[in-house]
Protein backbone atom coordinates (compact mmCIF):
# COMPACT_ATOMS: atom_id res chain seq x y z
CA MET A 1 -2.18 -15.33 13.69
CA PRO A 2 0.07 -14.04 10.88
CA LYS A 3 0.00 -10.41 9.85
CA ARG A 4 -1.57 -9.54 6.51
CA THR A 5 0.77 -8.40 3.75
CA LEU A 6 -0.35 -6.39 0.72
CA GLN A 7 1.46 -5.25 -2.41
CA GLY A 8 0.87 -1.84 -3.95
CA VAL A 9 2.24 1.28 -5.59
CA VAL A 10 3.23 4.46 -3.74
CA VAL A 11 0.89 7.29 -4.72
CA SER A 12 2.09 10.07 -2.39
CA ASP A 13 5.05 10.77 -0.11
CA LYS A 14 4.24 14.35 0.91
CA GLN A 15 3.86 13.53 4.61
CA ALA A 16 6.83 12.97 6.92
CA LYS A 17 7.60 9.26 7.49
CA THR A 18 4.36 8.29 5.71
CA VAL A 19 3.56 7.01 2.24
CA VAL A 20 0.14 6.48 0.69
CA VAL A 21 -0.02 3.12 -1.07
CA ARG A 22 -2.65 2.16 -3.67
CA VAL A 23 -3.52 -1.54 -3.50
CA ASP A 24 -5.42 -2.97 -6.48
CA ARG A 25 -7.55 -6.09 -6.33
CA ARG A 26 -9.36 -7.98 -9.08
CA PHE A 27 -12.45 -10.12 -8.71
CA THR A 28 -15.24 -11.54 -10.81
CA HIS A 29 -18.64 -9.90 -10.50
CA PRO A 30 -21.07 -12.41 -8.95
CA ILE A 31 -23.88 -11.76 -11.45
CA TYR A 32 -22.26 -10.42 -14.62
CA LYS A 33 -19.15 -12.66 -14.45
CA LYS A 34 -16.98 -9.76 -15.58
CA THR A 35 -13.57 -9.10 -14.03
CA ILE A 36 -13.62 -5.87 -12.03
CA ARG A 37 -10.69 -3.86 -10.68
CA ARG A 38 -11.02 -2.03 -7.36
CA SER A 39 -8.36 -0.05 -5.54
CA LYS A 40 -7.94 1.24 -2.01
CA ASN A 41 -5.42 3.63 -0.46
CA TYR A 42 -3.54 2.76 2.72
CA HIS A 43 -1.35 5.06 4.82
CA ALA A 44 1.86 3.21 5.70
CA HIS A 45 4.80 4.07 7.95
CA ASP A 46 8.08 4.73 6.07
CA GLU A 47 10.69 5.48 8.74
CA ASN A 48 13.48 6.74 6.45
CA ASN A 49 11.38 8.45 3.75
CA GLU A 50 13.04 6.24 1.14
CA PHE A 51 10.09 5.53 -1.18
CA LYS A 52 8.83 7.88 -3.88
CA PRO A 53 5.66 7.87 -6.02
CA GLY A 54 5.66 5.02 -8.51
CA ASP A 55 7.68 2.62 -6.34
CA MET A 56 6.34 -0.91 -5.74
CA VAL A 57 6.13 -1.71 -2.01
CA TRP A 58 4.92 -4.45 0.33
CA ILE A 59 3.08 -3.31 3.46
CA GLU A 60 2.30 -5.26 6.62
CA GLU A 61 -0.30 -4.81 9.34
CA SER A 62 0.89 -3.23 12.58
CA LYS A 63 -0.50 -1.68 15.72
CA PRO A 64 -2.00 1.80 15.24
CA ILE A 65 0.78 4.36 14.73
CA SER A 66 -1.47 7.39 14.24
CA LYS A 67 -5.08 8.21 13.37
CA LEU A 68 -4.80 6.72 9.86
CA LYS A 69 -1.61 4.63 9.91
CA ARG A 70 -2.05 0.94 10.69
CA TRP A 71 0.45 -0.43 8.13
CA THR A 72 4.25 -0.46 7.86
CA VAL A 73 6.37 -0.70 4.71
CA VAL A 74 8.25 -4.01 4.84
CA ARG A 75 10.23 -3.84 1.61
CA GLY A 76 10.07 -2.17 -1.77
CA GLU A 77 11.60 -1.75 -5.19
CA GLN A 78 12.55 1.67 -6.50
CA LYS A 79 11.14 2.57 -9.88
CA THR A 80 13.81 2.49 -12.58
CA ALA A 81 13.96 5.62 -14.68
């Protein structure tokens, strides 16, 4: 079974080798038929501490690394200033 991959934006990099990634999803409300945005934060493993807040990253499922980390950063794009 393939591993899930999600795309999101780095929100925090204050922890060592860890980034917090906000993943947004959009869906239509079943009753009101209005498009709704929901977001969720994931803790992801960033071995070299290369990503900073605002960077776009792709994260992939992995085996549990710590209490909260179950995702690994696969690739990313640095935010241009």
